[in-house]
Amino acid sequence: MARDGCDLVGMTAMPEAALARERDLGYATLAFVVNWGAGLSDEAITMDAINAQIERCADDIGRLLAMLAEQRAAPVG
């Protein structure tokens, strides 16, 4: 995948994205990048490292979702 220019490979948006496209539905996903992949880091992949990354991502995405909810609730005009 890196040879083809990919920086990120995910597994969590399929088949949902394809099915949404078939039905002309808008679709977006927010994903946590928690595992750099075997051989891509000098460090071993551990559950402690993955869980720490999940906590960092959850905080960031929680703030983003709160901001979007506030914007959506704000009166237009």
PDB file of N, CA and C in Angstrom:
ATOM      1  N   MET A   1       0.831  -1.193   0.000  1.00  0.00           N
ATOM      2  CA  MET A   1       0.000   0.000   0.000  1.00  0.00           C
ATOM      3  C   MET A   1       0.874   1.256   0.000  1.00  0.00           C
ATOM      4  N   ALA A   2       1.959   1.251   0.774  1.00  0.00           N
ATOM      5  CA  ALA A   2       2.851   2.415   0.802  1.00  0.00           C
ATOM      6  C   ALA A   2       3.446   2.668  -0.579  1.00  0.00           C
ATOM      7  N   ARG A   3       3.756   1.617  -1.293  1.00  0.00           N
ATOM      8  CA  ARG A   3       4.308   1.753  -2.641  1.00  0.00           C
ATOM      9  C   ARG A   3       3.330   2.490  -3.554  1.00  0.00           C
ATOM     10  N   ASP A   4       2.037   2.342  -3.279  1.00  0.00           N
ATOM     11  CA  ASP A   4       1.009   3.015  -4.074  1.00  0.00           C
ATOM     12  C   ASP A   4       0.680   4.412  -3.557  1.00  0.00           C
ATOM     13  N   GLY A   5       1.404   4.872  -2.528  1.00  0.00           N
ATOM     14  CA  GLY A   5       1.212   6.230  -2.016  1.00  0.00           C
ATOM     15  C   GLY A   5       0.262   6.343  -0.845  1.00  0.00           C
ATOM     16  N   CYS A   6      -0.156   5.217  -0.287  1.00  0.00           N
ATOM     17  CA  CYS A   6      -1.095   5.251   0.835  1.00  0.00           C
ATOM     18  C   CYS A   6      -0.367   5.595   2.136  1.00  0.00           C
ATOM     19  N   ASP A   7      -0.971   6.454   2.932  1.00  0.00           N
ATOM     20  CA  ASP A   7      -0.476   6.781   4.262  1.00  0.00           C
ATOM     21  C   ASP A   7      -1.261   6.064   5.343  1.00  0.00           C
ATOM     22  N   LEU A   8      -2.470   5.646   5.015  1.00  0.00           N
ATOM     23  CA  LEU A   8      -3.377   5.080   6.003  1.00  0.00           C
ATOM     24  C   LEU A   8      -4.219   3.996   5.346  1.00  0.00           C
ATOM     25  N   VAL A   9      -4.356   2.883   6.031  1.00  0.00           N
ATOM     26  CA  VAL A   9      -5.212   1.801   5.559  1.00  0.00           C
ATOM     27  C   VAL A   9      -6.218   1.527   6.663  1.00  0.00           C
ATOM     28  N   GLY A  10      -7.487   1.555   6.328  1.00  0.00           N
ATOM     29  CA  GLY A  10      -8.515   1.351   7.333  1.00  0.00           C
ATOM     30  C   GLY A  10      -9.408   0.164   6.997  1.00  0.00           C
ATOM     31  N   MET A  11     -10.065  -0.323   8.026  1.00  0.00           N
ATOM     32  CA  MET A  11     -10.950  -1.468   7.838  1.00  0.00           C
ATOM     33  C   MET A  11     -12.360  -1.178   8.327  1.00  0.00           C
ATOM     34  N   THR A  12     -12.642   0.009   8.821  1.00  0.00           N
ATOM     35  CA  THR A  12     -13.896   0.220   9.525  1.00  0.00           C
ATOM     36  C   THR A  12     -15.001   0.864   8.706  1.00  0.00           C
ATOM     37  N   ALA A  13     -14.768   1.236   7.453  1.00  0.00           N
ATOM     38  CA  ALA A  13     -15.803   1.932   6.677  1.00  0.00           C
ATOM     39  C   ALA A  13     -16.384   1.072   5.564  1.00  0.00           C
ATOM     40  N   MET A  14     -16.066  -0.163   5.530  1.00  0.00           N
ATOM     41  CA  MET A  14     -16.601  -1.034   4.496  1.00  0.00           C
ATOM     42  C   MET A  14     -17.407  -2.132   5.159  1.00  0.00           C
ATOM     43  N   PRO A  15     -18.547  -2.492   4.663  1.00  0.00           N
ATOM     44  CA  PRO A  15     -19.136  -2.097   3.383  1.00  0.00           C
ATOM     45  C   PRO A  15     -20.027  -0.865   3.470  1.00  0.00           C
ATOM     46  N   GLU A  16     -20.060  -0.197   4.612  1.00  0.00           N
ATOM     47  CA  GLU A  16     -21.000   0.905   4.800  1.00  0.00           C
ATOM     48  C   GLU A  16     -20.859   2.002   3.746  1.00  0.00           C
ATOM     49  N   ALA A  17     -19.634   2.392   3.427  1.00  0.00           N
ATOM     50  CA  ALA A  17     -19.426   3.477   2.463  1.00  0.00           C
ATOM     51  C   ALA A  17     -19.949   3.083   1.083  1.00  0.00           C
ATOM     52  N   ALA A  18     -19.651   1.877   0.662  1.00  0.00           N
ATOM     53  CA  ALA A  18     -20.119   1.423  -0.649  1.00  0.00           C
ATOM     54  C   ALA A  18     -21.638   1.330  -0.688  1.00  0.00           C
ATOM     55  N   LEU A  19     -22.245   0.836   0.368  1.00  0.00           N
ATOM     56  CA  LEU A  19     -23.705   0.727   0.404  1.00  0.00           C
ATOM     57  C   LEU A  19     -24.368   2.100   0.411  1.00  0.00           C
ATOM     58  N   ALA A  20     -23.790   3.046   1.129  1.00  0.00           N
ATOM     59  CA  ALA A  20     -24.328   4.411   1.135  1.00  0.00           C
ATOM     60  C   ALA A  20     -24.245   5.019  -0.263  1.00  0.00           C
ATOM     61  N   ARG A  21     -23.140   4.791  -0.953  1.00  0.00           N
ATOM     62  CA  ARG A  21     -22.979   5.313  -2.311  1.00  0.00           C
ATOM     63  C   ARG A  21     -24.053   4.734  -3.239  1.00  0.00           C
ATOM     64  N   GLU A  22     -24.316   3.440  -3.115  1.00  0.00           N
ATOM     65  CA  GLU A  22     -25.336   2.799  -3.954  1.00  0.00           C
ATOM     66  C   GLU A  22     -26.705   3.429  -3.758  1.00  0.00           C
ATOM     67  N   ARG A  23     -26.989   3.891  -2.540  1.00  0.00           N
ATOM     68  CA  ARG A  23     -28.301   4.469  -2.229  1.00  0.00           C
ATOM     69  C   ARG A  23     -28.298   5.996  -2.308  1.00  0.00           C
ATOM     70  N   ASP A  24     -27.204   6.606  -2.769  1.00  0.00           N
ATOM     71  CA  ASP A  24     -27.062   8.068  -2.840  1.00  0.00           C
ATOM     72  C   ASP A  24     -27.226   8.726  -1.480  1.00  0.00           C
ATOM     73  N   LEU A  25     -26.716   8.083  -0.453  1.00  0.00           N
ATOM     74  CA  LEU A  25     -26.764   8.630   0.900  1.00  0.00           C
ATOM     75  C   LEU A  25     -25.431   9.297   1.227  1.00  0.00           C
ATOM     76  N   GLY A  26     -25.510  10.439   1.899  1.00  0.00           N
ATOM     77  CA  GLY A  26     -24.291  11.052   2.393  1.00  0.00           C
ATOM     78  C   GLY A  26     -23.675  10.169   3.470  1.00  0.00           C
ATOM     79  N   TYR A  27     -22.370  10.080   3.486  1.00  0.00           N
ATOM     80  CA  TYR A  27     -21.693   9.212   4.455  1.00  0.00           C
ATOM     81  C   TYR A  27     -20.360   9.835   4.831  1.00  0.00           C
ATOM     82  N   ALA A  28     -20.099   9.874   6.107  1.00  0.00           N
ATOM     83  CA  ALA A  28     -18.804  10.338   6.597  1.00  0.00           C
ATOM     84  C   ALA A  28     -18.382   9.429   7.738  1.00  0.00           C
ATOM     85  N   THR A  29     -17.106   9.330   7.941  1.00  0.00           N
ATOM     86  CA  THR A  29     -16.617   8.525   9.051  1.00  0.00           C
ATOM     87  C   THR A  29     -15.508   9.268   9.778  1.00  0.00           C
ATOM     88  N   LEU A  30     -15.484   9.107  11.076  1.00  0.00           N
ATOM     89  CA  LEU A  30     -14.372   9.571  11.901  1.00  0.00           C
ATOM     90  C   LEU A  30     -13.717   8.316  12.448  1.00  0.00           C
ATOM     91  N   ALA A  31     -12.446   8.183  12.228  1.00  0.00           N
ATOM     92  CA  ALA A  31     -11.768   6.955  12.643  1.00  0.00           C
ATOM     93  C   ALA A  31     -10.574   7.283  13.523  1.00  0.00           C
ATOM     94  N   PHE A  32     -10.321   6.406  14.440  1.00  0.00           N
ATOM     95  CA  PHE A  32      -9.133   6.507  15.286  1.00  0.00           C
ATOM     96  C   PHE A  32      -7.989   5.765  14.599  1.00  0.00           C
ATOM     97  N   VAL A  33      -6.851   6.399  14.453  1.00  0.00           N
ATOM     98  CA  VAL A  33      -5.649   5.718  13.982  1.00  0.00           C
ATOM     99  C   VAL A  33      -4.882   5.316  15.230  1.00  0.00           C
ATOM    100  N   VAL A  34      -4.889   4.024  15.526  1.00  0.00           N
ATOM    101  CA  VAL A  34      -4.334   3.571  16.808  1.00  0.00           C
ATOM    102  C   VAL A  34      -3.207   2.566  16.666  1.00  0.00           C
ATOM    103  N   ASN A  35      -2.957   2.088  15.474  1.00  0.00           N
ATOM    104  CA  ASN A  35      -1.971   1.032  15.298  1.00  0.00           C
ATOM    105  C   ASN A  35      -1.199   1.338  14.019  1.00  0.00           C
ATOM    106  N   TRP A  36       0.077   1.596  14.136  1.00  0.00           N
ATOM    107  CA  TRP A  36       0.881   2.012  12.986  1.00  0.00           C
ATOM    108  C   TRP A  36       1.224   0.851  12.072  1.00  0.00           C
ATOM    109  N   GLY A  37       0.940  -0.356  12.454  1.00  0.00           N
ATOM    110  CA  GLY A  37       1.198  -1.517  11.601  1.00  0.00           C
ATOM    111  C   GLY A  37       2.550  -2.140  11.888  1.00  0.00           C
ATOM    112  N   ALA A  38       2.578  -3.434  11.797  1.00  0.00           N
ATOM    113  CA  ALA A  38       3.808  -4.176  12.058  1.00  0.00           C
ATOM    114  C   ALA A  38       4.898  -3.752  11.081  1.00  0.00           C
ATOM    115  N   GLY A  39       6.075  -3.488  11.611  1.00  0.00           N
ATOM    116  CA  GLY A  39       7.222  -3.139  10.791  1.00  0.00           C
ATOM    117  C   GLY A  39       7.333  -1.681  10.424  1.00  0.00           C
ATOM    118  N   LEU A  40       6.363  -0.852  10.793  1.00  0.00           N
ATOM    119  CA  LEU A  40       6.398   0.565  10.445  1.00  0.00           C
ATOM    120  C   LEU A  40       6.953   1.428  11.564  1.00  0.00           C
ATOM    121  N   SER A  41       7.285   0.832  12.665  1.00  0.00           N
ATOM    122  CA  SER A  41       7.822   1.559  13.815  1.00  0.00           C
ATOM    123  C   SER A  41       8.930   0.716  14.428  1.00  0.00           C
ATOM    124  N   ASP A  42       9.854   1.392  15.099  1.00  0.00           N
ATOM    125  CA  ASP A  42      10.915   0.670  15.798  1.00  0.00           C
ATOM    126  C   ASP A  42      10.391   0.017  17.072  1.00  0.00           C
ATOM    127  N   GLU A  43       9.238   0.470  17.545  1.00  0.00           N
ATOM    128  CA  GLU A  43       8.673  -0.048  18.788  1.00  0.00           C
ATOM    129  C   GLU A  43       7.685  -1.181  18.508  1.00  0.00           C
ATOM    130  N   ALA A  44       7.585  -2.078  19.476  1.00  0.00           N
ATOM    131  CA  ALA A  44       6.613  -3.166  19.371  1.00  0.00           C
ATOM    132  C   ALA A  44       5.197  -2.612  19.537  1.00  0.00           C
ATOM    133  N   ILE A  45       4.242  -3.240  18.876  1.00  0.00           N
ATOM    134  CA  ILE A  45       2.836  -2.869  19.029  1.00  0.00           C
ATOM    135  C   ILE A  45       2.325  -3.545  20.295  1.00  0.00           C
ATOM    136  N   THR A  46       1.850  -2.742  21.245  1.00  0.00           N
ATOM    137  CA  THR A  46       1.332  -3.293  22.496  1.00  0.00           C
ATOM    138  C   THR A  46      -0.082  -2.787  22.721  1.00  0.00           C
ATOM    139  N   MET A  47      -0.858  -3.513  23.481  1.00  0.00           N
ATOM    140  CA  MET A  47      -2.213  -3.061  23.815  1.00  0.00           C
ATOM    141  C   MET A  47      -2.167  -1.795  24.650  1.00  0.00           C
ATOM    142  N   ASP A  48      -1.147  -1.626  25.487  1.00  0.00           N
ATOM    143  CA  ASP A  48      -1.031  -0.393  26.266  1.00  0.00           C
ATOM    144  C   ASP A  48      -0.868   0.812  25.342  1.00  0.00           C
ATOM    145  N   ALA A  49      -0.035   0.682  24.319  1.00  0.00           N
ATOM    146  CA  ALA A  49       0.168   1.786  23.378  1.00  0.00           C
ATOM    147  C   ALA A  49      -1.111   2.060  22.584  1.00  0.00           C
ATOM    148  N   ILE A  50      -1.793   1.003  22.164  1.00  0.00           N
ATOM    149  CA  ILE A  50      -3.037   1.163  21.415  1.00  0.00           C
ATOM    150  C   ILE A  50      -4.096   1.827  22.289  1.00  0.00           C
ATOM    151  N   ASN A  51      -4.236   1.396  23.524  1.00  0.00           N
ATOM    152  CA  ASN A  51      -5.229   1.997  24.434  1.00  0.00           C
ATOM    153  C   ASN A  51      -4.916   3.452  24.726  1.00  0.00           C
ATOM    154  N   ALA A  52      -3.645   3.798  24.866  1.00  0.00           N
ATOM    155  CA  ALA A  52      -3.272   5.204  25.091  1.00  0.00           C
ATOM    156  C   ALA A  52      -3.652   6.052  23.883  1.00  0.00           C
ATOM    157  N   GLN A  53      -3.436   5.532  22.687  1.00  0.00           N
ATOM    158  CA  GLN A  53      -3.800   6.268  21.476  1.00  0.00           C
ATOM    159  C   GLN A  53      -5.316   6.409  21.365  1.00  0.00           C
ATOM    160  N   ILE A  54      -6.054   5.392  21.739  1.00  0.00           N
ATOM    161  CA  ILE A  54      -7.520   5.470  21.727  1.00  0.00           C
ATOM    162  C   ILE A  54      -7.989   6.595  22.643  1.00  0.00           C
ATOM    163  N   GLU A  55      -7.399   6.707  23.829  1.00  0.00           N
ATOM    164  CA  GLU A  55      -7.786   7.781  24.753  1.00  0.00           C
ATOM    165  C   GLU A  55      -7.500   9.147  24.156  1.00  0.00           C
ATOM    166  N   ARG A  56      -6.335   9.316  23.529  1.00  0.00           N
ATOM    167  CA  ARG A  56      -6.013  10.610  22.901  1.00  0.00           C
ATOM    168  C   ARG A  56      -6.994  10.920  21.779  1.00  0.00           C
ATOM    169  N   CYS A  57      -7.278   9.945  20.939  1.00  0.00           N
ATOM    170  CA  CYS A  57      -8.206  10.156  19.825  1.00  0.00           C
ATOM    171  C   CYS A  57      -9.618  10.448  20.329  1.00  0.00           C
ATOM    172  N   ALA A  58     -10.053   9.749  21.352  1.00  0.00           N
ATOM    173  CA  ALA A  58     -11.405   9.940  21.882  1.00  0.00           C
ATOM    174  C   ALA A  58     -11.588  11.365  22.382  1.00  0.00           C
ATOM    175  N   ASP A  59     -10.590  11.904  23.039  1.00  0.00           N
ATOM    176  CA  ASP A  59     -10.670  13.289  23.511  1.00  0.00           C
ATOM    177  C   ASP A  59     -10.814  14.257  22.338  1.00  0.00           C
ATOM    178  N   ASP A  60      -9.988  14.086  21.314  1.00  0.00           N
ATOM    179  CA  ASP A  60     -10.042  14.974  20.146  1.00  0.00           C
ATOM    180  C   ASP A  60     -11.383  14.862  19.427  1.00  0.00           C
ATOM    181  N   ILE A  61     -11.847  13.662  19.203  1.00  0.00           N
ATOM    182  CA  ILE A  61     -13.103  13.479  18.473  1.00  0.00           C
ATOM    183  C   ILE A  61     -14.285  13.928  19.316  1.00  0.00           C
ATOM    184  N   GLY A  62     -14.215  13.747  20.622  1.00  0.00           N
ATOM    185  CA  GLY A  62     -15.265  14.249  21.503  1.00  0.00           C
ATOM    186  C   GLY A  62     -15.406  15.759  21.395  1.00  0.00           C
ATOM    187  N   ARG A  63     -14.275  16.460  21.381  1.00  0.00           N
ATOM    188  CA  ARG A  63     -14.312  17.928  21.220  1.00  0.00           C
ATOM    189  C   ARG A  63     -14.874  18.317  19.850  1.00  0.00           C
ATOM    190  N   LEU A  64     -14.469  17.613  18.815  1.00  0.00           N
ATOM    191  CA  LEU A  64     -14.973  17.904  17.473  1.00  0.00           C
ATOM    192  C   LEU A  64     -16.479  17.708  17.392  1.00  0.00           C
ATOM    193  N   LEU A  65     -16.973  16.599  17.906  1.00  0.00           N
ATOM    194  CA  LEU A  65     -18.412  16.339  17.864  1.00  0.00           C
ATOM    195  C   LEU A  65     -19.193  17.359  18.680  1.00  0.00           C
ATOM    196  N   ALA A  66     -18.674  17.764  19.829  1.00  0.00           N
ATOM    197  CA  ALA A  66     -19.343  18.791  20.637  1.00  0.00           C
ATOM    198  C   ALA A  66     -19.421  20.106  19.867  1.00  0.00           C
ATOM    199  N   MET A  67     -18.329  20.476  19.194  1.00  0.00           N
ATOM    200  CA  MET A  67     -18.317  21.706  18.411  1.00  0.00           C
ATOM    201  C   MET A  67     -19.329  21.633  17.268  1.00  0.00           C
ATOM    202  N   LEU A  68     -19.386  20.508  16.580  1.00  0.00           N
ATOM    203  CA  LEU A  68     -20.339  20.359  15.481  1.00  0.00           C
ATOM    204  C   LEU A  68     -21.778  20.397  15.980  1.00  0.00           C
ATOM    205  N   ALA A  69     -22.040  19.793  17.127  1.00  0.00           N
ATOM    206  CA  ALA A  69     -23.386  19.819  17.699  1.00  0.00           C
ATOM    207  C   ALA A  69     -23.786  21.243  18.062  1.00  0.00           C
ATOM    208  N   GLU A  70     -22.868  22.014  18.626  1.00  0.00           N
ATOM    209  CA  GLU A  70     -23.154  23.411  18.960  1.00  0.00           C
ATOM    210  C   GLU A  70     -23.463  24.214  17.704  1.00  0.00           C
ATOM    211  N   GLN A  71     -22.662  24.023  16.656  1.00  0.00           N
ATOM    212  CA  GLN A  71     -22.899  24.746  15.415  1.00  0.00           C
ATOM    213  C   GLN A  71     -24.246  24.395  14.793  1.00  0.00           C
ATOM    214  N   ARG A  72     -24.599  23.130  14.863  1.00  0.00           N
ATOM    215  CA  ARG A  72     -25.872  22.678  14.285  1.00  0.00           C
ATOM    216  C   ARG A  72     -27.054  23.233  15.062  1.00  0.00           C
ATOM    217  N   ALA A  73     -26.889  23.384  16.373  1.00  0.00           N
ATOM    218  CA  ALA A  73     -27.976  23.878  17.226  1.00  0.00           C
ATOM    219  C   ALA A  73     -28.117  25.395  17.170  1.00  0.00           C
ATOM    220  N   ALA A  74     -27.087  26.087  16.707  1.00  0.00           N
ATOM    221  CA  ALA A  74     -27.119  27.545  16.668  1.00  0.00           C
ATOM    222  C   ALA A  74     -28.165  28.011  15.660  1.00  0.00           C
ATOM    223  N   PRO A  75     -28.924  29.056  16.027  1.00  0.00           N
ATOM    224  CA  PRO A  75     -29.936  29.575  15.090  1.00  0.00           C
ATOM    225  C   PRO A  75     -29.286  30.158  13.847  1.00  0.00           C
ATOM    226  N   VAL A  76     -29.936  29.980  12.716  1.00  0.00           N
ATOM    227  CA  VAL A  76     -29.445  30.516  11.457  1.00  0.00           C
ATOM    228  C   VAL A  76     -29.973  31.929  11.299  1.00  0.00           C
ATOM    229  N   GLY A  77     -29.128  32.807  10.816  1.00  0.00           N
ATOM    230  CA  GLY A  77     -29.651  34.125  10.571  1.00  0.00           C
ATOM    231  C   GLY A  77     -28.756  35.165  10.988  1.00  0.00           C
TER     232      GLY A  77
END
